[in-house]
Amino acid sequence: MKPILQTMFQTWLFWAALSAGFAALTAIFAKLGVQTLNPDFATFLRTVVILLLLAAVVQATGQWQPLGQISGTGVAFLVLSALATGASWICYFRALKLGDAARVAPVDKLSVVLVAIMGAMLLGEKLSVPNWIGVALIFSGVVLVAVR
C-alpha cells in the first residue's frame, strides 16, 4: 500500500486534482469573504496569508534557496508570473464581488482554454485531436454556465 501512496504523491494528476479542489474552495470562501470587504483589500489579505503559508512550508521542508542560484531569465519569468497572478487575483475578487461564484469561477477557468492555445503556439506543445475537442468542450461549457 505504501508504494502506491508514494507513487500517487509523485504524479501531476494527483496534485492537479488537489489544486482543482482547493480552487473550488477558494471561490466559495472568497465569495463569502468579499461580501463585506473591498475586493482589493481582500486580495491583499489573501496574499499575506499565502505568503506566510508558503514561508512555513519552505522552512519546514528545508527548501530555501539562495536567489543567486536562479538564472536571470528564471527570475524575470517568475516576476512576470507573479504580476500576472496578482492581476488575475485582483480581477477575480472584483468579479466575485459583483457576480455569482458559480458563474465567475467557470469563466475564470477559460484560462484552461487559453493555456492550451498559448502552450501550442508559444511553447510548441502538441495536443491531439481528442485533446482539442476537450478544449472546445471546456469553452462551450464556460459559455453555457456564464449565460443567464
Protein backbone atom coordinates (compact mmCIF):
# COMPACT_ATOMS: atom_id res chain seq x y z
CA MET A 1 0.00 0.00 0.00
CA LYS A 2 2.81 2.39 0.85
CA PRO A 3 4.42 2.32 -2.65
CA ILE A 4 1.03 3.16 -4.19
CA LEU A 5 0.75 6.27 -1.98
CA GLN A 6 4.32 7.29 -2.76
CA THR A 7 3.67 6.90 -6.47
CA MET A 8 0.40 8.82 -6.22
CA PHE A 9 2.11 11.74 -4.46
CA GLN A 10 4.58 11.95 -7.35
CA THR A 11 2.04 12.28 -10.17
CA TRP A 12 0.99 15.53 -11.77
CA LEU A 13 -2.62 14.33 -11.92
CA PHE A 14 -2.85 13.91 -8.12
CA TRP A 15 -1.57 17.43 -7.48
CA ALA A 16 -3.68 18.94 -10.28
CA ALA A 17 -6.81 17.31 -8.84
CA LEU A 18 -5.98 18.68 -5.39
CA SER A 19 -5.42 22.09 -6.98
CA ALA A 20 -8.88 21.93 -8.56
CA GLY A 21 -10.46 21.05 -5.22
CA PHE A 22 -8.69 23.88 -3.43
CA ALA A 23 -9.54 26.27 -6.28
CA ALA A 24 -13.21 25.40 -5.81
CA LEU A 25 -12.93 26.14 -2.10
CA THR A 26 -11.10 29.35 -2.96
CA ALA A 27 -14.07 30.59 -4.97
CA ILE A 28 -16.61 29.72 -2.27
CA PHE A 29 -14.59 31.11 0.64
CA ALA A 30 -13.59 34.23 -1.31
CA LYS A 31 -17.21 34.95 -2.28
CA LEU A 32 -18.21 34.73 1.37
CA GLY A 33 -15.25 36.85 2.49
CA VAL A 34 -15.52 39.58 -0.13
CA GLN A 35 -19.15 40.33 0.72
CA THR A 36 -18.15 42.82 3.43
CA LEU A 37 -14.70 43.86 2.16
CA ASN A 38 -13.26 45.91 -0.65
CA PRO A 39 -12.09 43.33 -3.23
CA ASP A 40 -8.57 44.80 -3.45
CA PHE A 41 -8.12 44.70 0.33
CA ALA A 42 -9.50 41.14 0.35
CA THR A 43 -6.90 40.20 -2.26
CA PHE A 44 -4.19 41.80 -0.12
CA LEU A 45 -5.24 39.82 2.97
CA ARG A 46 -5.34 36.61 0.97
CA THR A 47 -1.86 37.30 -0.40
CA VAL A 48 -0.41 37.88 3.08
CA VAL A 49 -1.85 34.55 4.26
CA ILE A 50 -0.42 32.77 1.20
CA LEU A 51 2.98 34.36 1.79
CA LEU A 52 3.03 33.19 5.41
CA LEU A 53 1.82 29.70 4.50
CA LEU A 54 4.45 29.27 1.79
CA ALA A 55 7.20 30.60 4.05
CA ALA A 56 6.20 27.98 6.65
CA VAL A 57 6.16 25.18 4.03
CA VAL A 58 9.55 26.18 2.61
CA GLN A 59 11.02 26.43 6.13
CA ALA A 60 9.52 23.13 7.31
CA THR A 61 10.76 21.26 4.24
CA GLY A 62 14.18 22.94 4.10
CA GLN A 63 13.68 24.26 0.59
CA TRP A 64 15.14 27.75 0.96
CA GLN A 65 17.42 28.56 -1.98
CA PRO A 66 19.85 31.42 -2.49
CA LEU A 67 18.38 33.81 -5.04
CA GLY A 68 21.78 33.86 -6.74
CA GLN A 69 21.21 30.25 -7.84
CA ILE A 70 18.25 31.26 -10.01
CA SER A 71 19.05 32.38 -13.54
CA GLY A 72 18.20 35.92 -14.58
CA THR A 73 15.78 34.54 -17.14
CA GLY A 74 14.12 32.39 -14.49
CA VAL A 75 13.74 35.37 -12.17
CA ALA A 76 12.32 37.51 -14.99
CA PHE A 77 9.70 34.89 -15.87
CA LEU A 78 8.81 34.37 -12.18
CA VAL A 79 8.34 38.13 -11.78
CA LEU A 80 6.12 38.19 -14.86
CA SER A 81 4.19 35.20 -13.50
CA ALA A 82 3.74 36.97 -10.16
CA LEU A 83 2.47 40.11 -11.89
CA ALA A 84 0.03 38.04 -13.95
CA THR A 85 -1.12 36.21 -10.82
CA GLY A 86 -1.66 39.47 -8.98
CA ALA A 87 -3.62 40.94 -11.87
CA SER A 88 -5.67 37.74 -12.11
CA TRP A 89 -6.49 37.78 -8.39
CA ILE A 90 -7.47 41.45 -8.45
CA CYS A 91 -9.82 40.82 -11.37
CA TYR A 92 -11.13 37.58 -9.84
CA PHE A 93 -12.03 39.17 -6.50
CA ARG A 94 -13.73 42.09 -8.23
CA ALA A 95 -15.71 39.65 -10.35
CA LEU A 96 -16.70 37.68 -7.22
CA LYS A 97 -17.82 40.90 -5.53
CA LEU A 98 -20.13 41.62 -8.47
CA GLY A 99 -21.20 38.17 -9.65
CA ASP A 100 -22.21 34.67 -8.60
CA ALA A 101 -19.34 32.37 -7.65
CA ALA A 102 -20.96 29.60 -9.70
CA ARG A 103 -20.62 31.77 -12.82
CA VAL A 104 -17.42 33.69 -12.05
CA ALA A 105 -15.25 30.63 -11.35
CA PRO A 106 -16.04 28.84 -14.64
CA VAL A 107 -15.32 31.98 -16.67
CA ASP A 108 -12.05 32.30 -14.78
CA LYS A 109 -11.27 28.77 -15.92
CA LEU A 110 -11.23 29.94 -19.52
CA SER A 111 -7.57 30.12 -18.57
CA VAL A 112 -7.53 26.37 -19.35
CA VAL A 113 -8.51 27.11 -22.95
CA LEU A 114 -6.04 29.98 -23.18
CA VAL A 115 -3.20 27.86 -21.75
CA ALA A 116 -3.90 25.14 -24.33
CA ILE A 117 -3.76 27.68 -27.16
CA MET A 118 -0.70 29.52 -25.79
CA GLY A 119 1.04 26.26 -24.92
CA ALA A 120 0.68 25.12 -28.52
CA MET A 121 1.59 28.48 -30.05
CA LEU A 122 4.34 29.69 -27.71
CA LEU A 123 5.77 26.51 -26.16
CA GLY A 124 5.36 24.12 -29.07
CA GLU A 125 3.25 21.72 -27.02
CA LYS A 126 1.33 19.17 -29.07
CA LEU A 127 -2.28 18.34 -28.34
CA SER A 128 -4.13 15.54 -30.11
CA VAL A 129 -7.48 15.93 -31.83
CA PRO A 130 -9.31 14.49 -28.78
CA ASN A 131 -7.39 17.00 -26.60
CA TRP A 132 -8.56 19.91 -28.78
CA ILE A 133 -12.11 18.57 -28.68
CA GLY A 134 -11.84 18.65 -24.88
CA VAL A 135 -10.59 22.24 -25.01
CA ALA A 136 -13.55 23.16 -27.24
CA LEU A 137 -15.94 21.44 -24.82
CA ILE A 138 -14.45 23.38 -21.89
CA PHE A 139 -15.00 26.61 -23.82
CA SER A 140 -18.57 25.57 -24.65
CA GLY A 141 -19.25 24.66 -21.02
CA VAL A 142 -17.99 28.04 -19.80
CA VAL A 143 -20.26 29.82 -22.26
CA LEU A 144 -23.27 27.75 -21.16
CA VAL A 145 -22.60 28.40 -17.47
CA ALA A 146 -21.90 32.13 -17.93
CA VAL A 147 -25.04 32.91 -19.94
CA ARG A 148 -28.20 33.52 -17.92
